[in-house]
N, C-alpha and C. Protein backbone atom coordinates (compact mmCIF):
# COMPACT_ATOMS: atom_id res chain seq x y z
N UNK A 1 55.23 106.33 163.27
CA UNK A 1 55.30 105.57 162.02
C UNK A 1 56.86 105.43 161.62
N UNK A 2 57.07 104.21 161.29
CA UNK A 2 58.60 103.78 160.95
C UNK A 2 58.58 103.91 159.36
N UNK A 3 59.89 103.88 158.98
CA UNK A 3 60.17 104.09 157.57
C UNK A 3 59.72 102.95 156.63
N UNK A 4 59.17 101.88 157.31
CA UNK A 4 58.82 100.67 156.46
C UNK A 4 57.70 101.05 155.60
N UNK A 5 57.64 100.44 154.51
CA UNK A 5 56.44 100.50 153.58
C UNK A 5 55.17 99.98 154.20
N UNK A 6 54.10 100.68 153.97
CA UNK A 6 52.82 99.98 154.53
C UNK A 6 52.37 98.71 153.86
N UNK A 7 51.54 97.94 154.37
CA UNK A 7 50.97 96.82 153.58
C UNK A 7 49.96 97.30 152.62
N UNK A 8 49.93 96.65 151.45
CA UNK A 8 49.20 97.29 150.31
C UNK A 8 48.41 96.22 149.64
N UNK A 9 47.19 96.56 149.08
CA UNK A 9 46.38 95.79 148.09
C UNK A 9 46.78 96.11 146.78
N UNK A 10 47.20 95.17 145.85
CA UNK A 10 47.59 95.65 144.44
C UNK A 10 46.83 94.96 143.47
N UNK A 11 46.26 95.69 142.40
CA UNK A 11 45.75 95.11 141.23
C UNK A 11 46.40 95.56 139.97
N UNK A 12 46.78 94.59 139.19
CA UNK A 12 47.46 94.96 137.83
C UNK A 12 46.31 94.64 136.67
N UNK A 13 46.05 95.57 135.90
CA UNK A 13 45.12 95.31 134.76
C UNK A 13 45.68 94.51 133.56
N UNK A 14 47.05 94.41 133.46
CA UNK A 14 47.79 93.59 132.53
C UNK A 14 49.14 93.39 132.96
N UNK A 15 49.75 92.44 132.39
CA UNK A 15 51.18 92.27 132.74
C UNK A 15 52.14 93.56 132.34
N UNK A 16 53.18 93.62 133.19
CA UNK A 16 54.18 94.75 132.84
C UNK A 16 53.55 96.17 132.89
N UNK A 17 52.95 96.50 134.13
CA UNK A 17 52.25 97.81 134.10
C UNK A 17 53.20 98.95 133.53
N UNK A 18 52.60 99.96 132.88
CA UNK A 18 53.36 101.17 132.49
C UNK A 18 53.08 102.32 133.42
N UNK A 19 51.84 102.34 134.00
CA UNK A 19 51.41 103.41 134.89
C UNK A 19 51.11 102.87 136.40
N UNK A 20 51.14 103.58 137.31
CA UNK A 20 50.71 103.36 138.64
C UNK A 20 49.66 104.26 139.24
N UNK A 21 48.62 103.77 139.96
CA UNK A 21 47.88 104.68 140.73
C UNK A 21 47.81 104.35 142.06
N UNK A 22 48.34 105.12 142.86
CA UNK A 22 48.36 105.02 144.34
C UNK A 22 47.24 105.62 145.07
N UNK A 23 46.34 104.80 145.76
CA UNK A 23 44.94 105.40 146.21
C UNK A 23 45.03 105.11 147.75
N UNK A 24 44.75 106.19 148.26
CA UNK A 24 44.74 106.29 149.90
C UNK A 24 43.26 106.36 150.38
N UNK A 25 42.92 105.52 151.22
CA UNK A 25 41.55 105.30 151.69
C UNK A 25 41.15 106.32 152.86
N UNK A 26 39.95 106.33 153.26
CA UNK A 26 39.40 107.29 154.20
C UNK A 26 39.61 106.73 155.59
N UNK A 27 39.24 107.49 156.68
CA UNK A 27 39.27 107.07 158.11
C UNK A 27 38.65 105.92 158.27
N UNK A 28 39.23 104.82 159.07
CA UNK A 28 38.59 103.92 159.58
C UNK A 28 38.46 102.69 158.46
N UNK A 29 38.86 103.01 157.36
CA UNK A 29 38.84 101.89 156.17
C UNK A 29 40.18 101.27 156.20
N UNK A 30 40.22 100.66 155.11
CA UNK A 30 41.71 99.91 154.67
C UNK A 30 41.94 100.06 153.18
N UNK A 31 42.94 99.28 152.72
CA UNK A 31 43.16 99.33 151.26
C UNK A 31 42.28 98.65 150.53
N UNK A 32 41.48 97.80 151.17
CA UNK A 32 40.50 97.07 150.32
C UNK A 32 39.35 97.91 149.95
N UNK A 33 39.12 98.98 150.58
CA UNK A 33 37.87 99.71 150.40
C UNK A 33 37.65 100.16 149.09
N UNK A 34 38.71 100.72 148.46
CA UNK A 34 38.61 101.25 147.06
C UNK A 34 39.09 100.06 145.95
N UNK A 35 39.68 99.17 146.32
CA UNK A 35 40.14 98.28 145.45
C UNK A 35 39.00 97.91 144.16
N UNK A 36 37.80 97.65 144.66
CA UNK A 36 36.80 97.40 143.54
C UNK A 36 36.54 98.56 142.46
N UNK A 37 37.09 99.67 142.91
CA UNK A 37 36.85 100.86 141.88
C UNK A 37 37.73 100.70 140.70
N UNK A 38 38.86 99.87 140.71
CA UNK A 38 39.82 99.90 139.59
C UNK A 38 39.11 99.31 138.34
N UNK A 39 38.34 98.41 138.63
CA UNK A 39 37.62 97.81 137.46
C UNK A 39 36.58 98.80 136.84
N UNK A 40 36.03 99.51 137.71
CA UNK A 40 34.99 100.45 137.19
C UNK A 40 35.49 101.59 136.45
N UNK A 41 36.89 101.93 136.64
CA UNK A 41 37.29 103.03 135.97
C UNK A 41 37.91 102.75 134.68
N UNK A 42 38.29 101.45 134.39
CA UNK A 42 38.98 101.09 133.25
C UNK A 42 38.10 101.44 131.94
N UNK A 43 38.97 101.82 130.86
CA UNK A 43 38.35 102.08 129.54
C UNK A 43 39.29 101.33 128.50
N UNK A 44 38.72 100.98 127.45
CA UNK A 44 39.46 100.45 126.47
C UNK A 44 40.64 101.34 125.80
N UNK A 45 41.63 100.66 125.65
CA UNK A 45 42.86 101.49 125.11
C UNK A 45 43.80 102.03 126.15
N UNK A 46 43.56 101.88 127.38
CA UNK A 46 44.42 102.32 128.40
C UNK A 46 45.73 101.41 128.57
N UNK A 47 46.72 102.07 128.81
CA UNK A 47 48.00 101.26 129.32
C UNK A 47 47.84 100.31 130.36
N UNK A 48 48.60 99.45 130.47
CA UNK A 48 48.54 98.46 131.70
C UNK A 48 48.84 99.31 133.01
N UNK A 49 48.03 99.11 133.88
CA UNK A 49 48.02 99.83 135.21
C UNK A 49 48.39 98.94 136.30
N UNK A 50 49.16 99.44 137.35
CA UNK A 50 49.15 98.87 138.64
C UNK A 50 48.39 99.90 139.76
N UNK A 51 47.22 99.30 140.30
CA UNK A 51 46.67 100.23 141.32
C UNK A 51 47.22 99.73 142.59
N UNK A 52 47.63 100.55 143.46
CA UNK A 52 48.21 100.35 144.85
C UNK A 52 47.29 100.91 145.86
N UNK A 53 46.85 100.15 146.69
CA UNK A 53 46.01 100.60 147.72
C UNK A 53 46.55 100.23 149.17
N UNK A 54 47.19 101.29 149.67
CA UNK A 54 48.03 100.95 151.00
C UNK A 54 47.05 101.12 152.03
N UNK A 55 47.32 100.36 153.32
CA UNK A 55 46.60 100.34 154.53
C UNK A 55 47.34 101.42 155.43
N UNK A 56 46.61 102.40 155.93
CA UNK A 56 47.16 103.33 156.86
C UNK A 56 47.29 102.69 158.07
N UNK A 57 48.28 103.23 158.99
CA UNK A 57 48.68 102.64 160.28
C UNK A 57 47.28 102.85 161.18
N UNK A 58 47.39 101.94 162.25
CA UNK A 58 46.25 101.95 163.18
C UNK A 58 46.79 102.80 164.30
N UNK A 59 45.93 103.74 164.79
CA UNK A 59 46.30 105.04 165.74
C UNK A 59 45.06 105.40 166.42
N UNK A 60 45.24 105.97 167.65
CA UNK A 60 44.05 106.61 168.31
C UNK A 60 43.52 107.80 167.66
N UNK A 61 42.19 107.97 167.44
CA UNK A 61 41.68 109.04 166.84
C UNK A 61 40.87 110.05 167.91
N UNK A 62 41.13 111.11 168.11
CA UNK A 62 40.58 111.94 169.11
C UNK A 62 39.23 112.01 168.87
N UNK A 63 38.55 112.34 167.71
CA UNK A 63 37.30 112.81 167.66
C UNK A 63 36.35 111.55 167.94
N UNK A 64 37.04 110.32 167.90
CA UNK A 64 36.26 109.07 167.98
C UNK A 64 36.51 108.57 169.49
N UNK A 65 36.81 109.46 170.42
CA UNK A 65 37.06 109.12 171.79
C UNK A 65 38.40 108.34 171.92
N UNK A 66 39.37 108.56 171.05
CA UNK A 66 40.56 107.91 171.08
C UNK A 66 40.63 106.46 170.58
N UNK A 67 39.42 105.98 170.13
CA UNK A 67 39.43 104.62 169.63
C UNK A 67 40.54 104.49 168.51
N UNK A 68 41.15 103.25 168.55
CA UNK A 68 42.12 103.06 167.59
C UNK A 68 41.56 102.41 166.28
N UNK A 69 42.14 102.95 165.32
CA UNK A 69 41.60 102.65 163.90
C UNK A 69 42.65 103.13 162.79
N UNK A 70 42.47 102.49 161.70
CA UNK A 70 43.33 102.94 160.59
C UNK A 70 43.14 104.46 160.32
N UNK A 71 44.12 105.30 160.29
CA UNK A 71 43.97 106.60 160.08
C UNK A 71 45.32 107.21 159.43
N UNK A 72 45.27 108.08 158.52
CA UNK A 72 46.42 108.64 157.95
C UNK A 72 47.11 109.81 158.90
N UNK A 73 46.21 110.13 159.76
CA UNK A 73 46.60 111.13 160.80
C UNK A 73 45.51 111.16 161.84
N UNK A 74 45.67 111.88 162.96
CA UNK A 74 44.69 112.03 164.03
C UNK A 74 43.81 113.20 163.64
N UNK A 75 42.50 113.15 163.86
CA UNK A 75 41.57 114.23 163.71
C UNK A 75 41.33 114.63 165.10
N UNK A 76 41.69 115.85 165.45
CA UNK A 76 41.64 116.47 166.71
C UNK A 76 40.23 116.96 167.09
N UNK A 77 39.63 117.59 166.00
CA UNK A 77 38.19 118.18 166.29
C UNK A 77 37.68 118.45 164.86
N UNK A 78 36.52 118.85 164.88
CA UNK A 78 35.56 119.06 163.58
C UNK A 78 35.98 120.42 162.94
N UNK A 79 36.58 121.18 163.75
CA UNK A 79 36.88 122.63 163.15
C UNK A 79 38.02 122.34 162.06
N UNK A 80 37.66 122.90 160.88
CA UNK A 80 38.72 122.79 159.82
C UNK A 80 40.07 123.53 160.11
N UNK A 81 40.06 124.58 160.88
CA UNK A 81 41.12 125.29 161.18
C UNK A 81 42.10 124.36 162.27
N UNK A 82 41.64 123.47 163.10
CA UNK A 82 42.46 122.76 163.87
C UNK A 82 42.11 121.21 163.83
N UNK A 83 41.64 120.69 162.61
CA UNK A 83 41.11 119.32 162.45
C UNK A 83 42.45 118.43 162.42
N UNK A 84 43.30 118.61 161.52
CA UNK A 84 44.41 117.68 161.20
C UNK A 84 45.58 117.85 162.06
N UNK A 85 46.17 116.61 162.47
CA UNK A 85 47.44 116.42 163.20
C UNK A 85 48.52 116.64 162.10
N UNK A 86 49.11 117.70 162.28
CA UNK A 86 50.02 118.18 161.30
C UNK A 86 51.32 117.13 161.14
N UNK A 87 51.78 116.63 162.32
CA UNK A 87 52.87 115.61 162.34
C UNK A 87 52.34 114.41 161.57
N UNK A 88 51.17 113.90 161.83
CA UNK A 88 50.67 112.72 161.11
C UNK A 88 50.47 112.99 159.66
N UNK A 89 50.11 114.15 159.15
CA UNK A 89 49.96 114.33 157.81
C UNK A 89 51.29 114.28 157.11
N UNK A 90 52.24 114.93 157.77
CA UNK A 90 53.64 114.92 157.19
C UNK A 90 54.15 113.44 157.11
N UNK A 91 53.96 112.72 158.19
CA UNK A 91 54.26 111.33 158.11
C UNK A 91 53.63 110.46 156.97
N UNK A 92 52.46 110.81 156.79
CA UNK A 92 51.72 110.13 155.68
C UNK A 92 52.28 110.51 154.26
N UNK A 93 52.56 111.81 154.19
CA UNK A 93 53.31 112.34 152.81
C UNK A 93 54.57 111.67 152.67
N UNK A 94 55.31 111.49 153.79
CA UNK A 94 56.54 110.76 153.59
C UNK A 94 56.37 109.21 153.03
N UNK A 95 55.19 108.67 153.70
CA UNK A 95 54.82 107.23 153.28
C UNK A 95 54.52 107.31 151.75
N UNK A 96 53.73 108.32 151.25
CA UNK A 96 53.37 108.39 149.88
C UNK A 96 54.75 108.45 149.14
N UNK A 97 55.82 109.28 149.51
CA UNK A 97 57.10 109.46 148.93
C UNK A 97 57.84 108.01 148.82
N UNK A 98 57.71 107.19 149.84
CA UNK A 98 58.32 105.91 149.70
C UNK A 98 57.69 104.99 148.79
N UNK A 99 56.28 105.02 148.69
CA UNK A 99 55.47 104.30 147.62
C UNK A 99 55.89 104.60 146.30
N UNK A 100 55.98 105.82 146.12
CA UNK A 100 56.40 106.41 144.68
C UNK A 100 57.80 105.95 144.40
N UNK A 101 58.82 105.88 145.26
CA UNK A 101 60.11 105.46 145.11
C UNK A 101 60.05 104.01 144.82
N UNK A 102 59.09 103.27 145.54
CA UNK A 102 59.13 101.79 145.10
C UNK A 102 58.73 101.45 143.68
N UNK A 103 57.71 102.33 143.31
CA UNK A 103 57.20 102.30 141.88
C UNK A 103 58.48 102.42 140.86
N UNK A 104 59.18 103.58 141.31
CA UNK A 104 60.43 103.78 140.52
C UNK A 104 61.34 102.67 140.51
N UNK A 105 61.43 101.82 141.47
CA UNK A 105 62.33 100.66 141.53
C UNK A 105 61.67 99.52 140.66
N UNK A 106 60.39 99.60 140.46
CA UNK A 106 59.71 98.63 139.80
C UNK A 106 59.48 99.02 138.21
N UNK A 107 60.17 100.22 137.85
CA UNK A 107 60.19 100.60 136.52
C UNK A 107 59.06 101.73 136.10
N UNK A 108 58.25 102.27 137.08
CA UNK A 108 57.36 103.29 136.75
C UNK A 108 57.91 104.54 137.29
N UNK A 109 58.23 105.55 136.39
CA UNK A 109 58.74 106.83 136.72
C UNK A 109 57.48 107.65 137.37
N UNK A 110 58.08 108.67 138.10
CA UNK A 110 56.89 109.64 138.73
C UNK A 110 56.00 110.22 137.70
N UNK A 111 56.37 110.51 136.60
CA UNK A 111 55.60 111.09 135.56
C UNK A 111 54.58 110.13 134.94
N UNK A 112 54.60 108.97 135.36
CA UNK A 112 53.51 107.78 135.04
C UNK A 112 52.79 107.35 136.38
N UNK A 113 52.76 108.40 137.42
CA UNK A 113 52.09 107.89 138.60
C UNK A 113 50.99 108.95 138.91
N UNK A 114 49.84 108.45 139.35
CA UNK A 114 48.70 109.26 139.84
C UNK A 114 48.60 108.93 141.38
N UNK A 115 48.38 110.04 142.19
CA UNK A 115 48.17 109.83 143.48
C UNK A 115 46.74 110.29 143.85
N UNK A 116 45.88 109.34 144.36
CA UNK A 116 44.45 109.44 144.64
C UNK A 116 44.04 109.35 146.08
N UNK A 117 43.08 109.86 146.58
CA UNK A 117 42.64 109.68 147.98
C UNK A 117 41.13 110.23 148.04
N UNK A 118 40.49 109.34 148.95
CA UNK A 118 39.23 109.83 149.46
C UNK A 118 39.18 110.18 150.99
N UNK A 119 38.51 111.50 151.06
CA UNK A 119 38.31 111.98 152.55
C UNK A 119 39.61 112.23 153.16
N UNK A 120 40.07 111.53 154.07
CA UNK A 120 41.26 111.78 154.81
C UNK A 120 42.47 111.37 153.90
N UNK A 121 42.22 110.40 153.03
CA UNK A 121 43.27 110.00 152.16
C UNK A 121 43.45 111.13 151.05
N UNK A 122 42.36 111.70 150.72
CA UNK A 122 42.46 112.92 149.76
C UNK A 122 43.09 114.00 150.27
N UNK A 123 42.90 114.28 151.68
CA UNK A 123 43.62 115.53 152.42
C UNK A 123 45.15 115.27 152.37
N UNK A 124 45.64 113.91 152.57
CA UNK A 124 47.09 113.81 152.32
C UNK A 124 47.44 113.90 150.87
N UNK A 125 46.69 113.60 150.01
CA UNK A 125 46.98 113.62 148.59
C UNK A 125 47.18 115.21 148.30
N UNK A 126 46.34 116.04 148.65
CA UNK A 126 46.36 117.50 148.47
C UNK A 126 47.65 118.11 149.21
N UNK A 127 47.98 117.63 150.43
CA UNK A 127 49.03 118.09 151.05
C UNK A 127 50.41 117.83 150.41
N UNK A 128 50.38 116.56 149.88
CA UNK A 128 51.42 116.10 149.08
C UNK A 128 51.78 116.96 147.80
N UNK A 129 50.58 117.31 147.23
CA UNK A 129 50.75 118.16 146.12
C UNK A 129 51.13 119.67 146.50
N UNK A 130 50.58 120.10 147.42
CA UNK A 130 50.88 121.46 147.93
C UNK A 130 52.34 121.54 148.25
N UNK A 131 53.05 120.51 148.68
CA UNK A 131 54.35 120.51 149.11
C UNK A 131 55.35 120.22 148.03
N UNK A 132 54.85 120.28 146.83
CA UNK A 132 55.68 120.17 145.65
C UNK A 132 55.93 118.80 145.03
N UNK A 133 55.19 117.81 145.39
CA UNK A 133 55.50 116.38 144.84
C UNK A 133 55.26 116.62 143.25
N UNK A 134 56.01 116.02 142.47
CA UNK A 134 56.00 116.11 141.09
C UNK A 134 55.65 114.65 140.41
N UNK A 135 54.41 114.39 140.14
CA UNK A 135 53.94 113.32 139.56
C UNK A 135 53.08 113.64 138.41
N UNK A 136 52.38 112.72 137.80
CA UNK A 136 51.45 113.00 136.69
C UNK A 136 50.10 113.55 136.92
N UNK A 137 49.71 113.48 138.27
CA UNK A 137 48.52 114.08 138.62
C UNK A 137 48.01 113.78 140.11
N UNK A 138 47.01 114.45 140.47
CA UNK A 138 46.44 114.10 141.88
C UNK A 138 44.85 113.98 141.72
N UNK A 139 44.30 113.16 142.43
CA UNK A 139 42.77 112.92 142.63
C UNK A 139 42.39 112.92 143.97
N UNK A 140 41.61 114.01 144.35
CA UNK A 140 41.23 114.23 145.69
C UNK A 140 39.74 114.23 145.81
N UNK A 141 39.03 113.30 146.41
CA UNK A 141 37.73 113.15 146.46
C UNK A 141 37.15 113.49 147.83
N UNK A 142 36.15 114.24 147.98
CA UNK A 142 35.30 114.43 149.12
C UNK A 142 36.23 114.85 150.28
N UNK A 143 37.13 115.86 150.17
CA UNK A 143 38.23 116.15 150.96
C UNK A 143 38.51 117.73 151.13
N UNK A 144 39.58 118.03 151.76
CA UNK A 144 40.01 119.28 151.84
C UNK A 144 41.53 119.44 152.11
N UNK A 145 42.01 120.58 151.94
CA UNK A 145 43.53 120.87 152.13
C UNK A 145 43.63 120.98 153.59
N UNK A 146 44.46 120.24 154.25
CA UNK A 146 44.71 120.07 155.71
C UNK A 146 45.33 121.27 156.28
N UNK A 147 46.42 121.64 155.57
CA UNK A 147 47.40 122.59 156.16
C UNK A 147 48.06 123.44 154.92
N UNK A 148 48.69 124.48 155.31
CA UNK A 148 49.54 125.20 154.36
C UNK A 148 50.75 124.42 154.07
N UNK A 149 51.31 124.48 152.92
CA UNK A 149 52.60 123.77 152.56
C UNK A 149 53.75 124.23 153.44
N UNK A 150 54.65 123.28 153.78
CA UNK A 150 55.82 123.58 154.41
C UNK A 150 56.61 124.57 153.58
N UNK A 151 56.86 124.15 152.26
CA UNK A 151 57.70 124.92 151.35
C UNK A 151 56.78 124.97 150.02
N UNK A 152 56.25 126.09 149.76
CA UNK A 152 55.27 126.25 148.54
C UNK A 152 56.12 125.73 147.37
N UNK A 153 55.38 125.18 146.25
CA UNK A 153 56.09 124.86 145.07
C UNK A 153 56.76 126.00 144.45
N UNK A 154 58.02 125.72 143.84
CA UNK A 154 58.82 126.80 143.36
C UNK A 154 57.99 127.48 142.35
N UNK A 155 58.31 128.84 142.06
CA UNK A 155 57.54 129.63 141.31
C UNK A 155 57.26 129.29 139.84
N UNK A 156 58.40 128.81 139.34
CA UNK A 156 58.34 128.36 137.81
C UNK A 156 58.00 127.02 137.68
N UNK A 157 57.94 126.26 138.61
CA UNK A 157 57.70 124.72 138.36
C UNK A 157 56.27 124.58 137.95
N UNK A 158 56.14 123.67 136.93
CA UNK A 158 54.79 123.13 136.44
C UNK A 158 54.13 122.48 137.50
N UNK A 159 52.93 122.84 137.55
CA UNK A 159 51.91 122.21 138.61
C UNK A 159 51.16 120.96 138.04
N UNK A 160 51.25 119.84 138.59
CA UNK A 160 50.53 118.62 138.01
C UNK A 160 49.05 118.91 138.06
N UNK A 161 48.17 118.43 137.23
CA UNK A 161 46.80 118.65 137.17
C UNK A 161 46.16 117.85 138.40
N UNK A 162 44.97 118.39 138.87
CA UNK A 162 44.33 117.99 140.04
C UNK A 162 42.87 117.78 139.70
N UNK A 163 42.19 116.64 140.06
CA UNK A 163 40.82 116.29 139.94
C UNK A 163 40.40 116.39 141.25
N UNK A 164 39.35 117.19 141.62
CA UNK A 164 38.63 117.29 142.78
C UNK A 164 37.27 117.07 142.68
N UNK A 165 36.64 116.34 143.51
CA UNK A 165 35.08 116.21 143.35
C UNK A 165 34.66 116.19 144.84
N UNK A 166 33.32 116.61 144.96
CA UNK A 166 32.55 116.71 146.32
C UNK A 166 31.08 116.37 146.17
N UNK A 167 30.62 115.92 147.28
CA UNK A 167 29.08 115.89 147.18
C UNK A 167 28.50 117.06 147.80
N UNK A 168 27.42 117.51 147.25
CA UNK A 168 26.77 118.78 147.64
C UNK A 168 26.01 118.63 148.99
N UNK A 169 25.80 117.31 149.57
CA UNK A 169 25.09 117.22 150.67
C UNK A 169 26.08 116.33 151.74
N UNK A 170 27.35 116.54 151.59
CA UNK A 170 28.34 115.89 152.40
C UNK A 170 28.22 116.27 153.79
N UNK A 171 27.72 115.42 154.85
CA UNK A 171 27.74 115.70 156.25
C UNK A 171 28.96 115.57 156.98
N UNK A 172 30.08 115.00 156.37
CA UNK A 172 31.19 114.66 157.02
C UNK A 172 32.36 115.67 156.74
N UNK A 173 32.61 115.97 155.57
CA UNK A 173 33.54 117.28 155.08
C UNK A 173 32.57 118.01 154.31
N UNK A 174 32.16 119.29 154.88
CA UNK A 174 31.22 120.07 154.10
C UNK A 174 31.67 120.47 152.68
N UNK A 175 30.87 120.76 151.88
CA UNK A 175 31.26 121.23 150.46
C UNK A 175 32.04 122.36 150.63
N UNK A 176 31.96 123.31 151.57
CA UNK A 176 32.60 124.51 151.55
C UNK A 176 34.05 124.26 151.85
N UNK A 177 34.29 123.27 152.52
CA UNK A 177 35.71 122.79 152.80
C UNK A 177 36.37 122.34 151.50
N UNK A 178 35.74 121.63 150.79
CA UNK A 178 36.27 121.32 149.52
C UNK A 178 36.43 122.27 148.58
N UNK A 179 35.48 123.24 148.55
CA UNK A 179 35.58 124.51 147.72
C UNK A 179 36.77 125.26 148.12
N UNK A 180 37.00 125.54 149.30
CA UNK A 180 38.05 126.30 149.88
C UNK A 180 39.34 125.73 149.39
N UNK A 181 39.44 124.29 149.64
CA UNK A 181 40.61 123.57 149.24
C UNK A 181 41.01 123.78 147.65
N UNK A 182 39.92 123.60 146.89
CA UNK A 182 40.20 123.88 145.45
C UNK A 182 40.70 125.23 145.09
N UNK A 183 40.21 126.11 145.81
CA UNK A 183 40.59 127.56 145.69
C UNK A 183 42.03 127.84 146.11
N UNK A 184 42.27 127.14 147.07
CA UNK A 184 43.62 127.31 147.66
C UNK A 184 44.67 126.62 146.64
N UNK A 185 44.13 125.38 146.09
CA UNK A 185 45.16 124.80 145.27
C UNK A 185 45.30 125.58 143.87
N UNK A 186 44.22 126.31 143.42
CA UNK A 186 44.28 127.24 142.23
C UNK A 186 45.27 128.43 142.50
N UNK A 187 45.07 128.96 143.80
CA UNK A 187 45.91 129.99 144.02
C UNK A 187 47.32 129.78 144.03
N UNK A 188 47.61 128.36 144.15
CA UNK A 188 49.25 127.95 144.19
C UNK A 188 49.57 127.55 142.65
N UNK A 189 48.59 127.82 141.73
CA UNK A 189 48.94 127.60 140.40
C UNK A 189 48.49 126.28 139.79
N UNK A 190 47.83 125.41 140.63
CA UNK A 190 47.35 124.13 140.05
C UNK A 190 46.17 124.26 139.18
N UNK A 191 46.12 123.34 138.11
CA UNK A 191 44.93 123.43 137.19
C UNK A 191 44.07 122.36 137.96
N UNK A 192 42.99 122.92 138.52
CA UNK A 192 42.04 121.96 139.26
C UNK A 192 40.71 121.74 138.39
N UNK A 193 40.42 120.55 138.10
CA UNK A 193 39.15 120.28 137.59
C UNK A 193 38.09 119.95 138.73
N UNK A 194 37.27 120.81 138.90
CA UNK A 194 36.44 120.75 140.15
C UNK A 194 35.02 120.27 139.61
N UNK A 195 34.46 119.12 140.46
CA UNK A 195 33.21 118.76 140.10
C UNK A 195 32.39 118.54 141.37
N UNK A 196 31.08 118.77 141.37
CA UNK A 196 30.20 118.62 142.48
C UNK A 196 28.99 117.84 142.09
N UNK A 197 28.58 116.83 142.82
CA UNK A 197 27.52 115.89 142.57
C UNK A 197 26.58 115.90 143.66
N UNK A 198 25.29 115.55 143.34
CA UNK A 198 24.17 115.53 144.34
C UNK A 198 24.30 114.27 145.21
N UNK A 199 25.26 114.22 146.11
CA UNK A 199 25.42 113.14 146.95
C UNK A 199 25.99 113.48 148.35
N UNK A 200 26.09 112.50 149.24
CA UNK A 200 26.70 112.77 150.43
C UNK A 200 28.16 112.29 150.44
N UNK A 201 28.64 111.75 151.56
CA UNK A 201 30.15 111.29 151.66
C UNK A 201 30.35 109.96 151.06
N UNK A 202 30.41 110.03 149.69
CA UNK A 202 30.52 108.79 148.91
C UNK A 202 31.00 109.22 147.53
N UNK A 203 30.94 108.03 146.70
CA UNK A 203 31.43 108.17 145.41
C UNK A 203 30.19 107.67 144.36
N UNK A 204 30.00 108.49 143.30
CA UNK A 204 28.84 108.12 142.48
C UNK A 204 29.25 107.60 141.17
N UNK A 205 28.15 107.12 140.43
CA UNK A 205 28.55 106.54 139.14
C UNK A 205 28.95 107.69 138.11
N UNK A 206 28.29 108.75 138.25
CA UNK A 206 28.66 110.04 137.54
C UNK A 206 30.22 110.42 137.76
N UNK A 207 30.46 110.40 138.94
CA UNK A 207 31.81 110.89 139.35
C UNK A 207 32.84 109.94 138.81
N UNK A 208 32.68 108.68 138.92
CA UNK A 208 33.58 107.67 138.40
C UNK A 208 33.82 107.82 136.86
N UNK A 209 32.56 108.13 136.09
CA UNK A 209 32.65 108.53 134.59
C UNK A 209 33.51 109.73 134.43
N UNK A 210 33.41 110.72 135.18
CA UNK A 210 34.11 111.93 134.97
C UNK A 210 35.68 111.66 135.30
N UNK A 211 35.78 111.05 136.29
CA UNK A 211 37.38 110.75 136.68
C UNK A 211 37.88 109.69 135.65
N UNK A 212 37.37 108.80 135.20
CA UNK A 212 37.74 107.87 134.17
C UNK A 212 38.18 108.70 133.03
N UNK A 213 37.33 109.66 132.45
CA UNK A 213 37.71 110.53 131.45
C UNK A 213 39.11 111.42 131.76
N UNK A 214 38.98 111.88 132.78
CA UNK A 214 40.28 112.75 133.42
C UNK A 214 41.53 111.81 133.22
N UNK A 215 41.44 110.54 133.81
CA UNK A 215 42.51 109.76 133.86
C UNK A 215 42.91 109.30 132.39
N UNK A 216 41.96 109.20 131.60
CA UNK A 216 42.29 108.78 130.22
C UNK A 216 43.14 109.92 129.61
N UNK A 217 42.71 111.18 129.78
CA UNK A 217 43.54 112.34 129.33
C UNK A 217 44.98 112.18 129.75
N UNK A 218 45.10 111.94 130.84
CA UNK A 218 46.51 111.88 131.39
C UNK A 218 47.28 110.78 130.57
N UNK A 219 46.80 109.45 130.59
CA UNK A 219 47.32 108.55 129.82
C UNK A 219 47.64 108.81 128.39
N UNK A 220 46.77 109.58 127.82
CA UNK A 220 46.85 109.93 126.40
C UNK A 220 48.06 110.94 126.07
N UNK A 221 48.49 111.64 127.12
CA UNK A 221 49.57 112.51 127.06
C UNK A 221 51.07 111.84 127.48
N UNK A 222 50.97 110.70 127.71
CA UNK A 222 52.22 109.94 128.13
C UNK A 222 53.29 109.91 126.92
């Protein structure tokens, strides 16, 4: 992956956005996948938002027989201990850094940015958090922490809040993987708001309502 910014789908809820939400899709999807969720999350009284939905690069994915598809990193095997391509995860975290820098150029500071991701995108989100990214908060849905941080966050640094949610019947990323990730994030000092829903590898209306409330709390503290 080169240093260029990825193509993105963008939705602004009003002119002159004050906050940005960068949302990473799952394996094999693209930035259009979660674009409709922006409207479902909105609540009266929120500041103007810019939702940014980047497209992951196209790459071979080992567990899918080497088929090329959009992926934030290669998935080598189903075992959680050797699932993620570490180099790919780091490249995608660097892509997130560039997207955040672009929002800064457009007038939105890191403390007014949320990073969200579903499944593989959520894994990149947690990896970025674990490696010390300082923004307003992280949203990780139906996912896991793919690897230990290169450099754990500094001992006295404040940890941004994290919203994590998982389906109790998820056949793709077992709920035990999500629970372990939440425990690991808590052990690093993150304030994790953990939710479980009776669903599979998907997003539910109840989850959207809980996430919307969590996001509103962030905006209220701006």
